[in-house]
Amino acid sequence: MLISLSIRDLAVVTQLNLELSAGLTVLTGETGAGKSILLTAIGLALGDRADPGYLRAGAEKAEIELVFDTSDAPSAQAWLEEQSLDEQKACIIRRQINQDGRSKAWINGRASTLKSLQTLSEQLIEIHGQHAHLSLLNNAEQLRLLDNAANNETERRRVATLADQWKKAHVTLKELKQNSQDQQAKEALLRYQLQELEELNIETLDFANLEQEHRTLANVDKILITGQQQLDQLYENDQLSANALLGRSIDALEELEQLAPRLGDPKQLLNEAQIQLQEAVSLIRQRIDQMEPDPQRLAWLDEQIGLLSDLARKHQTTPEALPEKMAALQTELKSIERSSEENSELNQLLEILKSDYDSASEVLSKLRTQAAITLQNKISTSIKQLGMPQGQFLIEVKADQSKQPQIEGKDSVEFLVSANPGLPPGPLNKVASGGELSRISLAIQVAASDTKSTPTLIFDEVDSGIGGGIAEIVGQKLKALAGNNQILCVTHLPQVASQGNHHLLIEKTSSKNETQTTVKQLTREDRLNEIARMLGGLKITDQTLAHAREMLATST
C-alpha cells in the first residue's frame, strides 16, 4: 500500500509530506482547495505525461516521491525482484519535472523509463476518476472492466499472443501472394537464363584459357616457322649456331685456363649456359613438334568465344564473370523456390494458429460469461441500494465466430440496464439518465474493485450527483471495500467522509505574494467541525454539529 507521499514545488504546493495508512482515507476541502493536485502528483509519479505548467511559479523543478509497502502486492514485489530492484518489501518511486518539460524517474534509487514505471504502477495503485461514468459508455471500457473482474489475465495474454502471431503470419502470406504472379514470371525467366548458361558449361568456364588456345591455334603457322628459325640459330647450324659459338668459346677458355687459372670461372658459367641452351632447344623442339594446325578446333573456339561474348553482353557483364553471374541467378531461383515453400508453410502455420486461437478464445469466453453473471448480480444489488430499487443490470457477452483473430478475443461486451419495471434492458447511453449513470458507474467500480489484487484504490469524486441516504450507502460500500484494500477517496459528501478511518483536510491559503495548499490530518474533534461544515455550509450551528457527531458515531 501507499505509505507516504512527498511533493515539492508542484502547482500550489511548496512542500508537502503526507503519511498514509490502511483502511479508508477520505480527503475533503472547499472547492478549489487543491484536492486534485494530490491525485495529479500521484499520477505524475506513476508515469503520466509531464508538463512544465505543473511547476510552482518561480521553481526550477518539481519533485514527487511515493513510498509503497509491497508486502501486500506480490506481483509488484515479483517484478521488482526480476529487475533487481527489491528493497525489503519497499518501493520508492521518485519523479522530477524540469522547466523545459523533461522529466526523470527513479525506482528504488535507479533511473527508470516511463514504460517501466507504468508497468510497475499498474500493480500498485488504481485511480477511478470523477468522469469514469463517461468512459463507461465505451464498449472497450466495458470489456476491460469485465476482464478485470474475471481475473483472466493469463487467458487474455494467450489469446492476444496467438492473435498477434496469426496477424503477422497473415500479412506475410498476403504479401507473398501479391508477389506470386511476378515471381512465377521471374522464375520462368531465371530457369531459361540458367539453361542457356548450363549449355555452355559456364560453371567450369575458364575464358582466359579459351582465349589463349584460340590465339595459339590462330597463329600456329607463325609459331612453327619462327620456332624452327630459333632452333637453327640456337643449335642446328653447325657453324653459326649459338651452341657452336659457345662450344668454341669454352674450348678457347679451357686452353687459356692452363695459363690463367682465374679464367676457369667464366668457362664454368659458359658450360652452364650451354647446358641451359641445349635444354631450351629441347623444349622448343618438343613444343613445336606437338603443334599442328586444327581448323575444326579453331572454328569451334571461334564459335564458343562468340557465344560467350554475346551472353556476357546479354547479362551486362564480362565473359570472365559469367560463372559468378550464374551463381547469383541460382541463388535468386532458390529464393523464389523457398518463397513457394514458405507459402505452403505459412498456410499450415495459419491453420494451427487459428485452431489454437479458437480454443483459447473459447476458454476466455467461458470465463467472461461466468464472470458476467457474478458481476451483473453484484451490480444489480448495488444499484438497487443506490436509489434504483427496480434497477436491473445485465452484461451481454457475444462471441463473433466470423471475426478474424483479434487481440481481445472473439467477444463483444455490452452493459445493459433497465431502470424502471416493465422496460426491457437497453444500452447505458440510451436508457440511463446522467444521475443514474453516475450511480451505475459507482456500483460497477465498487463491484469490480472487490476482486482487485491492486492494494491501493483511489476514488476521485465518483460520488458526484449522489446525496442523502444513498450517499451514506456509498460511504459504507467504500469502507467495506477498505477491508481488503487501501482506499483513498476525494469527496464532497459528509455521508461518505464520516465513514473514513482517516480524514485529511486540504486547505488553500493565500498571502500577498503566493497561494499554497496544505494537507492536515484531522483529529476526531477536527473531523466533527469539518463534517459540520460539509453539512451546514458557512454557518455551523449546534444542530449541524450534533448531526455531524451522530454521523461519526454511527460510522464506527
Protein backbone atom coordinates (compact mmCIF):
# COMPACT_ATOMS: atom_id res chain seq x y z
CA MET A 1 0.00 0.00 0.00
CA LEU A 2 0.98 3.67 -0.32
CA ILE A 3 2.53 4.75 2.98
CA SER A 4 3.82 8.22 2.17
CA LEU A 5 3.58 10.98 -0.41
CA SER A 6 6.01 13.90 -0.73
CA ILE A 7 5.56 16.85 -3.09
CA ARG A 8 7.83 19.84 -3.68
CA ASP A 9 7.15 22.84 -5.91
CA LEU A 10 4.18 21.37 -7.76
CA ALA A 11 1.41 23.85 -8.70
CA VAL A 12 0.28 25.48 -5.43
CA VAL A 13 2.20 23.05 -3.22
CA THR A 14 5.54 24.33 -1.93
CA GLN A 15 6.36 21.41 0.31
CA LEU A 16 4.15 18.56 1.44
CA ASN A 17 4.96 15.36 3.32
CA LEU A 18 1.98 13.12 3.91
CA GLU A 19 1.83 9.83 5.82
CA LEU A 20 -0.94 7.41 4.79
CA SER A 21 -2.45 4.37 6.48
CA ALA A 22 -4.51 1.30 5.67
CA GLY A 23 -8.30 1.44 5.52
CA LEU A 24 -10.45 4.22 4.09
CA THR A 25 -8.84 7.67 3.97
CA VAL A 26 -11.16 10.50 2.93
CA LEU A 27 -9.89 13.79 1.51
CA THR A 28 -12.16 16.82 1.84
CA GLY A 29 -11.93 20.57 1.49
CA GLU A 30 -13.52 23.56 -0.13
CA THR A 31 -13.95 23.57 -3.90
CA GLY A 32 -10.68 24.80 -5.42
CA ALA A 33 -8.64 23.98 -2.32
CA GLY A 34 -6.34 21.75 -4.35
CA LYS A 35 -7.63 18.23 -3.75
CA SER A 36 -6.98 17.37 -7.38
CA ILE A 37 -3.30 18.32 -7.11
CA LEU A 38 -2.68 15.33 -4.85
CA LEU A 39 -4.08 12.97 -7.47
CA THR A 40 -2.17 14.84 -10.17
CA ALA A 41 1.04 14.33 -8.19
CA ILE A 42 0.37 10.62 -7.78
CA GLY A 43 -0.41 10.30 -11.48
CA LEU A 44 2.81 12.08 -12.45
CA ALA A 45 4.88 9.91 -10.14
CA LEU A 46 3.36 6.84 -11.75
CA GLY A 47 4.15 7.85 -15.31
CA ASP A 48 1.60 10.40 -16.52
CA ARG A 49 2.79 12.88 -19.18
CA ALA A 50 4.89 15.64 -17.65
CA ASP A 51 4.12 19.30 -18.33
CA PRO A 52 6.23 22.27 -17.18
CA GLY A 53 2.93 24.05 -16.49
CA TYR A 54 2.69 21.93 -13.32
CA LEU A 55 5.70 23.68 -11.75
CA ARG A 56 5.11 26.21 -8.99
CA ALA A 57 5.75 29.75 -10.19
CA GLY A 58 9.46 30.56 -9.93
CA ALA A 59 10.56 26.95 -9.27
CA GLU A 60 13.24 25.29 -11.41
CA LYS A 61 11.84 21.80 -10.94
CA ALA A 62 9.12 19.84 -9.18
CA GLU A 63 9.61 16.54 -7.38
CA ILE A 64 7.19 13.87 -6.23
CA GLU A 65 8.07 10.83 -4.16
CA LEU A 66 5.83 7.86 -3.35
CA VAL A 67 6.77 5.16 -0.85
CA PHE A 68 4.95 1.83 -1.03
CA ASP A 69 4.94 -1.17 1.27
CA THR A 70 4.84 -4.04 -1.24
CA SER A 71 4.17 -6.81 1.26
CA ASP A 72 0.51 -6.73 0.11
CA ALA A 73 1.46 -6.52 -3.59
CA PRO A 74 3.12 -9.85 -4.52
CA SER A 75 3.02 -9.18 -8.26
CA ALA A 76 4.75 -5.81 -7.80
CA GLN A 77 7.32 -7.38 -5.49
CA ALA A 78 7.99 -10.14 -8.03
CA TRP A 79 8.52 -7.51 -10.75
CA LEU A 80 10.95 -5.61 -8.54
CA GLU A 81 12.90 -8.79 -7.86
CA GLU A 82 13.06 -9.59 -11.58
CA GLN A 83 14.53 -6.13 -12.17
CA SER A 84 16.89 -6.48 -9.17
CA LEU A 85 15.12 -3.52 -7.55
CA ASP A 86 13.67 -5.20 -4.46
CA GLU A 87 14.37 -3.32 -1.25
CA GLN A 88 12.99 -5.40 1.63
CA LYS A 89 9.30 -5.23 0.64
CA ALA A 90 9.54 -1.50 -0.05
CA CYS A 91 9.31 0.52 -3.23
CA ILE A 92 10.30 4.19 -3.54
CA ILE A 93 9.25 5.95 -6.73
CA ARG A 94 10.57 9.43 -7.47
CA ARG A 95 9.78 11.71 -10.42
CA GLN A 96 11.38 15.04 -11.26
CA ILE A 97 9.91 17.52 -13.76
CA ASN A 98 12.09 20.32 -15.12
CA GLN A 99 11.22 23.72 -16.58
CA ASP A 100 11.98 22.53 -20.12
CA GLY A 101 9.32 19.83 -19.85
CA ARG A 102 11.79 16.98 -19.50
CA SER A 103 11.50 14.60 -16.61
CA LYS A 104 13.45 11.90 -14.83
CA ALA A 105 12.19 8.94 -12.83
CA TRP A 106 13.75 6.57 -10.33
CA ILE A 107 12.63 3.28 -8.78
CA ASN A 108 14.43 2.46 -5.54
CA GLY A 109 17.20 4.85 -6.49
CA ARG A 110 17.80 3.52 -10.00
CA ALA A 111 16.92 5.55 -13.10
CA SER A 112 13.81 4.18 -14.80
CA THR A 113 11.96 4.57 -18.07
CA LEU A 114 8.35 5.75 -18.00
CA LYS A 115 7.31 2.43 -19.53
CA SER A 116 8.81 0.51 -16.60
CA LEU A 117 7.25 2.99 -14.20
CA GLN A 118 3.81 2.48 -15.75
CA THR A 119 4.20 -1.32 -15.73
CA LEU A 120 5.01 -1.27 -12.03
CA SER A 121 2.33 1.27 -11.10
CA GLU A 122 -0.44 -0.87 -12.60
CA GLN A 123 0.33 -3.43 -9.90
CA LEU A 124 0.43 -0.93 -7.05
CA ILE A 125 -2.40 1.57 -7.48
CA GLU A 126 -5.55 2.24 -9.48
CA ILE A 127 -7.30 5.57 -9.90
CA HIS A 128 -11.02 5.92 -10.61
CA GLY A 129 -11.62 9.42 -11.94
CA GLN A 130 -14.68 11.60 -11.44
CA HIS A 131 -15.58 11.22 -15.13
CA ALA A 132 -15.40 7.43 -15.14
CA HIS A 133 -19.12 7.24 -15.94
CA LEU A 134 -18.43 8.82 -19.36
CA SER A 135 -15.83 6.24 -20.37
CA LEU A 136 -18.27 3.60 -19.17
CA LEU A 137 -20.29 4.18 -22.35
CA ASN A 138 -17.41 2.80 -24.40
CA ASN A 139 -17.67 -0.93 -25.20
CA ALA A 140 -13.91 -1.33 -24.95
CA GLU A 141 -14.03 0.03 -21.39
CA GLN A 142 -16.91 -2.32 -20.59
CA LEU A 143 -14.84 -5.27 -21.81
CA ARG A 144 -11.88 -4.10 -19.73
CA LEU A 145 -13.99 -3.90 -16.58
CA LEU A 146 -15.39 -7.37 -17.16
CA ASP A 147 -11.93 -8.81 -17.76
CA ASN A 148 -10.63 -7.21 -14.58
CA ALA A 149 -13.47 -8.78 -12.63
CA ALA A 150 -12.90 -12.15 -14.34
CA ASN A 151 -9.21 -12.14 -13.32
CA ASN A 152 -8.42 -13.78 -16.67
CA GLU A 153 -5.06 -12.14 -17.37
CA THR A 154 -3.33 -15.43 -18.30
CA GLU A 155 -6.02 -16.38 -20.82
CA ARG A 156 -6.16 -12.87 -22.29
CA ARG A 157 -2.41 -12.82 -22.83
CA ARG A 158 -2.53 -16.18 -24.59
CA VAL A 159 -5.36 -15.03 -26.89
CA ALA A 160 -3.57 -11.74 -27.62
CA THR A 161 -0.29 -13.53 -28.36
CA LEU A 162 -1.94 -16.02 -30.72
CA ALA A 163 -3.88 -13.24 -32.47
CA ASP A 164 -0.71 -11.21 -32.93
CA GLN A 165 1.17 -14.22 -34.33
CA TRP A 166 -1.73 -15.00 -36.68
CA LYS A 167 -1.89 -11.40 -37.94
CA LYS A 168 1.84 -11.26 -38.65
CA ALA A 169 1.73 -14.60 -40.50
CA HIS A 170 -1.38 -13.46 -42.40
CA VAL A 171 0.30 -10.21 -43.51
CA THR A 172 3.40 -12.12 -44.64
CA LEU A 173 1.29 -14.62 -46.59
CA LYS A 174 -0.71 -11.81 -48.20
CA GLU A 175 2.49 -10.14 -49.35
CA LEU A 176 3.76 -13.45 -50.77
CA LYS A 177 0.52 -13.97 -52.67
CA GLN A 178 0.58 -10.44 -54.06
CA ASN A 179 4.06 -11.12 -55.41
CA SER A 180 3.16 -14.61 -56.62
CA GLN A 181 2.44 -13.72 -60.29
CA ASP A 182 5.58 -11.62 -60.60
CA GLN A 183 7.57 -14.43 -59.01
CA GLN A 184 6.20 -17.00 -61.43
CA ALA A 185 7.28 -14.89 -64.42
CA LYS A 186 10.63 -14.25 -62.78
CA GLU A 187 11.10 -17.95 -62.06
CA ALA A 188 10.45 -18.86 -65.72
CA LEU A 189 12.97 -16.27 -66.90
CA LEU A 190 15.59 -17.47 -64.40
CA ARG A 191 15.21 -21.08 -65.49
CA TYR A 192 15.62 -20.08 -69.17
CA GLN A 193 18.70 -17.99 -68.40
CA LEU A 194 20.27 -20.77 -66.35
CA GLN A 195 19.60 -23.30 -69.10
CA GLU A 196 21.50 -21.08 -71.57
CA LEU A 197 24.42 -20.86 -69.19
CA GLU A 198 24.41 -24.57 -68.38
CA GLU A 199 24.51 -25.49 -72.08
CA LEU A 200 27.83 -23.64 -72.35
CA ASN A 201 29.18 -25.32 -69.17
CA ILE A 202 29.58 -21.93 -67.52
CA GLU A 203 30.21 -23.49 -64.10
CA THR A 204 33.58 -24.87 -65.37
CA LEU A 205 34.34 -21.98 -67.71
CA ASP A 206 37.95 -20.76 -67.95
CA PHE A 207 37.58 -17.99 -70.51
CA ALA A 208 41.18 -16.86 -70.28
CA ASN A 209 42.35 -20.38 -71.21
CA LEU A 210 39.90 -20.48 -74.17
CA GLU A 211 41.23 -17.18 -75.45
CA GLN A 212 44.82 -18.37 -75.12
CA GLU A 213 44.11 -21.61 -77.00
CA HIS A 214 42.38 -19.60 -79.71
CA ARG A 215 45.38 -17.27 -80.08
CA THR A 216 47.73 -20.24 -80.33
CA LEU A 217 45.73 -22.09 -83.00
CA ALA A 218 45.14 -18.89 -84.96
CA ASN A 219 48.95 -18.33 -85.14
CA VAL A 220 50.22 -21.92 -85.40
CA ASP A 221 51.95 -21.41 -88.77
CA LYS A 222 53.85 -18.40 -87.47
CA ILE A 223 54.79 -20.31 -84.33
CA LEU A 224 56.16 -23.31 -86.30
CA ILE A 225 58.18 -21.15 -88.74
CA THR A 226 59.60 -18.89 -86.04
CA GLY A 227 60.27 -21.86 -83.76
CA GLN A 228 62.27 -23.66 -86.45
CA GLN A 229 64.24 -20.50 -87.13
CA GLN A 230 65.17 -20.33 -83.47
CA LEU A 231 66.27 -23.99 -83.46
CA ASP A 232 68.57 -23.26 -86.40
CA GLN A 233 70.06 -20.16 -84.79
CA LEU A 234 70.45 -21.74 -81.37
CA TYR A 235 71.66 -25.25 -82.22
CA GLU A 236 71.16 -26.87 -85.59
CA ASN A 237 73.53 -24.66 -87.69
CA ASP A 238 76.87 -26.39 -87.13
CA GLN A 239 78.97 -23.31 -87.74
CA LEU A 240 76.92 -20.29 -86.79
CA SER A 241 74.50 -21.52 -84.05
CA ALA A 242 74.71 -20.15 -80.56
CA ASN A 243 75.60 -23.63 -79.34
CA ALA A 244 78.56 -23.90 -81.80
CA LEU A 245 79.80 -20.43 -80.79
CA LEU A 246 79.56 -21.31 -77.08
CA GLY A 247 81.45 -24.53 -77.73
CA ARG A 248 84.30 -22.72 -79.42
CA SER A 249 84.45 -20.16 -76.64
CA ILE A 250 84.56 -22.89 -74.00
CA ASP A 251 87.41 -24.68 -75.85
CA ALA A 252 89.40 -21.44 -76.11
CA LEU A 253 88.99 -20.62 -72.41
CA GLU A 254 89.94 -24.15 -71.45
CA GLU A 255 93.34 -23.67 -73.18
CA LEU A 256 93.81 -20.29 -71.51
CA GLU A 257 92.87 -21.72 -68.12
CA GLN A 258 96.25 -23.52 -68.15
CA LEU A 259 97.90 -20.12 -68.38
CA ALA A 260 95.43 -18.10 -66.33
CA PRO A 261 93.51 -20.27 -63.80
CA ARG A 262 91.23 -17.34 -62.98
CA LEU A 263 89.55 -17.85 -66.35
CA GLY A 264 88.10 -21.12 -65.06
CA ASP A 265 85.10 -19.36 -63.52
CA PRO A 266 83.80 -17.77 -66.73
CA LYS A 267 84.44 -21.03 -68.54
CA GLN A 268 82.25 -22.78 -65.97
CA LEU A 269 79.50 -20.20 -66.48
CA LEU A 270 79.65 -20.76 -70.25
CA ASN A 271 79.40 -24.50 -69.69
CA GLU A 272 76.24 -23.93 -67.63
CA ALA A 273 74.88 -21.56 -70.29
CA GLN A 274 75.45 -24.18 -72.97
CA ILE A 275 73.60 -26.77 -70.87
CA GLN A 276 70.68 -24.32 -70.37
CA LEU A 277 70.65 -23.51 -74.10
CA GLN A 278 70.53 -27.18 -75.02
CA GLU A 279 67.65 -27.76 -72.58
CA ALA A 280 65.79 -24.78 -74.05
CA VAL A 281 66.33 -26.13 -77.57
CA SER A 282 64.98 -29.50 -76.48
CA LEU A 283 61.85 -27.87 -75.05
CA ILE A 284 61.32 -25.74 -78.17
CA ARG A 285 61.63 -28.80 -80.39
CA GLN A 286 59.22 -30.74 -78.13
CA ARG A 287 56.65 -27.94 -78.10
CA ILE A 288 56.61 -27.27 -81.84
CA ASP A 289 56.57 -30.97 -82.60
CA GLN A 290 53.31 -31.13 -80.61
CA MET A 291 51.75 -28.31 -82.61
CA GLU A 292 49.86 -28.70 -85.80
CA PRO A 293 47.05 -26.76 -87.47
CA ASP A 294 43.49 -27.78 -86.37
CA PRO A 295 40.93 -25.79 -88.39
CA GLN A 296 37.97 -27.58 -86.83
CA ARG A 297 39.12 -26.83 -83.27
CA LEU A 298 39.82 -23.24 -84.24
CA ALA A 299 36.33 -22.87 -85.72
CA TRP A 300 34.77 -24.31 -82.54
CA LEU A 301 36.77 -21.89 -80.41
CA ASP A 302 35.63 -19.00 -82.61
CA GLU A 303 32.03 -20.05 -82.09
CA GLN A 304 32.36 -20.56 -78.29
CA ILE A 305 34.05 -17.23 -77.72
CA GLY A 306 31.38 -15.52 -79.81
CA LEU A 307 28.56 -17.19 -77.90
CA LEU A 308 30.14 -16.35 -74.54
CA SER A 309 30.70 -12.73 -75.56
CA ASP A 310 27.09 -12.40 -76.71
CA LEU A 311 25.83 -13.99 -73.47
CA ALA A 312 28.00 -11.67 -71.40
CA ARG A 313 26.55 -8.61 -73.18
CA LYS A 314 23.05 -10.01 -72.56
CA HIS A 315 23.75 -10.21 -68.83
CA GLN A 316 25.63 -6.90 -68.84
CA THR A 317 28.86 -8.42 -67.59
CA THR A 318 32.14 -9.80 -68.94
CA PRO A 319 32.69 -13.38 -70.20
CA GLU A 320 35.10 -13.97 -67.29
CA ALA A 321 32.33 -13.04 -64.79
CA LEU A 322 29.68 -15.39 -66.25
CA PRO A 323 30.27 -18.14 -63.61
CA GLU A 324 29.67 -15.55 -60.86
CA LYS A 325 26.53 -14.35 -62.67
CA MET A 326 25.27 -17.92 -62.93
CA ALA A 327 25.77 -18.46 -59.18
CA ALA A 328 23.78 -15.29 -58.47
CA LEU A 329 20.91 -16.46 -60.72
CA GLN A 330 20.90 -19.86 -58.98
CA THR A 331 20.69 -18.13 -55.57
CA GLU A 332 17.79 -15.96 -56.78
CA LEU A 333 15.95 -19.01 -58.12
CA LYS A 334 16.40 -20.84 -54.83
CA SER A 335 15.00 -17.81 -53.01
CA ILE A 336 11.86 -17.92 -55.18
CA GLU A 337 11.55 -21.66 -54.61
CA ARG A 338 11.87 -21.08 -50.87
CA SER A 339 9.12 -18.46 -51.10
CA SER A 340 6.82 -21.11 -52.55
CA GLU A 341 7.76 -23.43 -49.71
CA GLU A 342 7.20 -20.62 -47.20
CA ASN A 343 3.80 -20.00 -48.75
CA SER A 344 2.80 -23.58 -48.02
CA GLU A 345 4.37 -23.50 -44.55
CA LEU A 346 2.59 -20.22 -43.73
CA ASN A 347 -0.75 -21.68 -44.75
CA GLN A 348 -0.14 -24.59 -42.39
CA LEU A 349 1.01 -22.23 -39.62
CA LEU A 350 -2.10 -20.07 -40.05
CA GLU A 351 -4.32 -23.11 -39.68
CA ILE A 352 -2.51 -24.16 -36.49
CA LEU A 353 -2.59 -20.65 -35.03
CA LYS A 354 -6.27 -20.22 -35.90
CA SER A 355 -7.11 -23.55 -34.25
CA ASP A 356 -5.13 -22.61 -31.12
CA TYR A 357 -6.72 -19.16 -31.12
CA ASP A 358 -10.23 -20.62 -31.39
CA SER A 359 -9.56 -22.92 -28.43
CA ALA A 360 -8.04 -20.16 -26.31
CA SER A 361 -10.85 -17.75 -27.21
CA GLU A 362 -13.43 -20.30 -26.22
CA VAL A 363 -11.80 -20.67 -22.79
CA LEU A 364 -11.69 -16.87 -22.45
CA SER A 365 -15.35 -16.54 -23.49
CA LYS A 366 -16.42 -19.06 -20.85
CA LEU A 367 -14.53 -17.15 -18.15
CA ARG A 368 -16.09 -13.89 -19.28
CA THR A 369 -19.57 -15.37 -19.37
CA GLN A 370 -19.18 -16.81 -15.88
CA ALA A 371 -17.75 -13.55 -14.54
CA ALA A 372 -20.53 -11.57 -16.25
CA ILE A 373 -23.20 -13.46 -14.31
CA THR A 374 -21.47 -12.85 -10.98
CA LEU A 375 -20.66 -9.21 -11.75
CA GLN A 376 -24.11 -8.30 -13.07
CA ASN A 377 -25.73 -9.74 -9.94
CA LYS A 378 -23.41 -7.68 -7.72
CA ILE A 379 -24.06 -4.52 -9.73
CA SER A 380 -27.83 -5.11 -9.79
CA THR A 381 -27.80 -5.41 -6.00
CA SER A 382 -25.69 -2.26 -5.67
CA ILE A 383 -27.76 -0.05 -7.95
CA LYS A 384 -30.89 -1.07 -6.05
CA GLN A 385 -29.19 0.10 -2.87
CA LEU A 386 -28.12 3.29 -4.65
CA GLY A 387 -31.63 4.58 -5.31
CA MET A 388 -32.72 2.44 -8.24
CA PRO A 389 -34.94 -0.12 -6.43
CA GLN A 390 -36.31 -1.57 -9.66
CA GLY A 391 -32.98 -1.41 -11.45
CA GLN A 392 -31.72 -4.45 -13.31
CA PHE A 393 -28.20 -4.68 -14.72
CA LEU A 394 -27.15 -7.16 -17.41
CA ILE A 395 -23.81 -7.90 -19.09
CA GLU A 396 -24.23 -9.31 -22.56
CA VAL A 397 -21.29 -11.32 -23.91
CA LYS A 398 -21.48 -12.24 -27.59
CA ALA A 399 -18.87 -14.25 -29.48
CA ASP A 400 -18.48 -13.49 -33.18
CA GLN A 401 -17.19 -16.68 -34.80
CA SER A 402 -16.73 -14.99 -38.18
CA LYS A 403 -14.23 -12.41 -36.95
CA GLN A 404 -10.59 -12.76 -37.78
CA PRO A 405 -8.37 -13.25 -34.71
CA GLN A 406 -8.32 -10.13 -32.53
CA ILE A 407 -6.11 -9.45 -29.52
CA GLU A 408 -9.21 -9.06 -27.30
CA GLY A 409 -10.69 -12.35 -28.49
CA LYS A 410 -13.99 -13.04 -30.24
CA ASP A 411 -16.24 -11.45 -27.66
CA SER A 412 -18.06 -8.15 -27.75
CA VAL A 413 -19.41 -6.94 -24.42
CA GLU A 414 -22.27 -4.57 -23.78
CA PHE A 415 -23.63 -3.32 -20.47
CA LEU A 416 -27.43 -3.11 -20.40
CA VAL A 417 -29.70 -1.60 -17.76
CA SER A 418 -33.38 -1.33 -17.03
CA ALA A 419 -34.09 1.50 -14.60
CA ASN A 420 -37.85 1.01 -14.43
CA PRO A 421 -40.10 -2.07 -14.23
CA GLY A 422 -41.67 -3.24 -17.47
CA LEU A 423 -38.95 -1.80 -19.64
CA PRO A 424 -36.52 -4.14 -21.34
CA PRO A 425 -32.81 -3.62 -20.61
CA GLY A 426 -31.09 -1.29 -23.06
CA PRO A 427 -27.63 0.22 -23.62
CA LEU A 428 -26.45 2.61 -20.91
CA ASN A 429 -26.27 5.64 -23.18
CA LYS A 430 -29.90 5.18 -24.29
CA VAL A 431 -31.59 4.18 -21.05
CA ALA A 432 -29.81 5.76 -18.07
CA SER A 433 -30.07 9.43 -17.15
CA GLY A 434 -26.98 11.38 -16.05
CA GLY A 435 -27.63 10.80 -12.35
CA GLU A 436 -28.44 7.14 -12.88
CA LEU A 437 -25.30 6.71 -14.95
CA SER A 438 -23.18 8.13 -12.11
CA ARG A 439 -24.69 5.68 -9.63
CA ILE A 440 -24.33 2.77 -12.04
CA SER A 441 -20.71 3.75 -12.63
CA LEU A 442 -20.01 3.82 -8.92
CA ALA A 443 -21.71 0.46 -8.43
CA ILE A 444 -19.63 -1.05 -11.24
CA GLN A 445 -16.37 0.37 -9.89
CA VAL A 446 -17.06 -0.85 -6.37
CA ALA A 447 -18.18 -4.28 -7.57
CA ALA A 448 -15.23 -4.66 -9.95
CA SER A 449 -12.76 -3.41 -7.36
CA ASP A 450 -13.95 -6.06 -4.94
CA THR A 451 -11.95 -8.63 -6.89
CA LYS A 452 -8.89 -6.45 -7.38
CA SER A 453 -5.42 -7.55 -6.35
CA THR A 454 -4.24 -3.94 -6.61
CA PRO A 455 -3.57 -2.91 -2.98
CA THR A 456 -4.41 0.80 -3.30
CA LEU A 457 -7.54 2.22 -4.96
CA ILE A 458 -8.25 5.94 -5.35
CA PHE A 459 -11.75 7.29 -5.98
CA ASP A 460 -11.86 10.91 -7.15
CA GLU A 461 -15.32 12.38 -6.56
CA VAL A 462 -17.01 9.32 -8.02
CA ASP A 463 -19.94 10.12 -5.73
CA SER A 464 -20.85 13.33 -7.56
CA GLY A 465 -24.58 13.64 -8.26
CA ILE A 466 -25.46 11.49 -5.24
CA GLY A 467 -26.82 12.60 -1.91
CA GLY A 468 -28.93 11.74 1.14
CA GLY A 469 -29.24 8.15 2.27
CA ILE A 470 -27.71 6.88 -0.95
CA ALA A 471 -24.53 8.81 -0.19
CA GLU A 472 -24.35 7.03 3.17
CA ILE A 473 -24.62 3.68 1.43
CA VAL A 474 -21.78 4.72 -0.91
CA GLY A 475 -19.63 5.54 2.10
CA GLN A 476 -20.45 2.19 3.69
CA LYS A 477 -19.53 0.36 0.50
CA LEU A 478 -16.20 2.16 0.24
CA LYS A 479 -15.49 1.40 3.88
CA ALA A 480 -16.30 -2.28 3.33
CA LEU A 481 -14.01 -2.30 0.30
CA ALA A 482 -11.26 -0.87 2.52
CA GLY A 483 -11.29 -4.10 4.48
CA ASN A 484 -9.17 -5.69 1.75
CA ASN A 485 -7.68 -2.62 0.04
CA GLN A 486 -6.28 0.74 0.96
CA ILE A 487 -8.88 3.25 -0.24
CA LEU A 488 -8.31 6.97 -0.81
CA CYS A 489 -11.48 8.88 -1.59
CA VAL A 490 -11.84 12.54 -2.56
CA THR A 491 -15.40 13.54 -1.66
CA HIS A 492 -17.74 16.46 -1.07
CA LEU A 493 -20.31 14.35 0.76
CA PRO A 494 -20.36 14.32 4.58
CA GLN A 495 -22.10 10.93 4.50
CA VAL A 496 -19.04 9.48 2.74
CA ALA A 497 -16.48 11.47 4.71
CA SER A 498 -17.93 10.28 8.01
CA GLN A 499 -17.19 6.66 7.05
CA GLY A 500 -13.45 7.24 6.77
CA ASN A 501 -10.95 5.57 9.06
CA HIS A 502 -8.72 8.58 8.44
CA HIS A 503 -9.59 12.11 7.38
CA LEU A 504 -7.34 14.57 5.52
CA LEU A 505 -8.35 18.21 5.08
CA ILE A 506 -7.00 20.07 2.04
CA GLU A 507 -6.85 23.84 2.54
CA LYS A 508 -5.67 26.72 0.39
CA THR A 509 -4.08 29.77 1.98
CA SER A 510 -3.26 32.97 0.15
CA SER A 511 -0.94 35.79 1.03
CA LYS A 512 0.11 38.89 -0.86
CA ASN A 513 2.81 37.05 -2.79
CA GLU A 514 1.67 33.46 -3.13
CA THR A 515 -1.02 30.82 -2.71
CA GLN A 516 -0.30 27.49 -1.06
CA THR A 517 -2.17 24.25 -0.50
CA THR A 518 -1.68 22.35 2.73
CA VAL A 519 -2.95 19.00 3.97
CA LYS A 520 -3.89 18.39 7.60
CA GLN A 521 -4.54 15.09 9.35
CA LEU A 522 -7.75 15.67 11.33
CA THR A 523 -8.32 14.64 14.92
CA ARG A 524 -11.80 13.46 15.90
CA GLU A 525 -12.71 16.96 17.08
CA ASP A 526 -11.38 18.44 13.84
CA ARG A 527 -13.40 15.88 11.88
CA LEU A 528 -16.53 16.94 13.74
CA ASN A 529 -16.07 20.54 12.61
CA GLU A 530 -15.21 19.58 9.01
CA ILE A 531 -18.23 17.32 8.61
CA ALA A 532 -20.40 20.01 10.19
CA ARG A 533 -19.04 22.45 7.61
CA MET A 534 -19.86 19.99 4.82
CA LEU A 535 -23.37 19.64 6.25
CA GLY A 536 -24.17 23.26 7.03
CA GLY A 537 -22.05 25.47 4.82
CA LEU A 538 -20.57 28.70 6.10
CA LYS A 539 -22.52 28.88 9.37
CA ILE A 540 -22.04 25.93 11.71
CA THR A 541 -24.84 25.61 14.24
CA ASP A 542 -25.33 23.37 17.23
CA GLN A 543 -27.74 21.37 15.13
CA THR A 544 -25.20 20.74 12.35
CA LEU A 545 -22.58 19.81 14.97
CA ALA A 546 -24.99 17.36 16.55
CA HIS A 547 -25.76 15.89 13.14
CA ALA A 548 -22.04 15.57 12.40
CA ARG A 549 -21.42 13.93 15.78
CA GLU A 550 -24.21 11.44 15.10
CA MET A 551 -22.82 10.60 11.68
CA LEU A 552 -19.37 9.94 13.13
CA ALA A 553 -20.80 7.86 15.94
CA THR A 554 -22.86 5.64 13.62
CA SER A 555 -19.99 5.12 11.20
CA THR A 556 -17.73 3.38 13.73
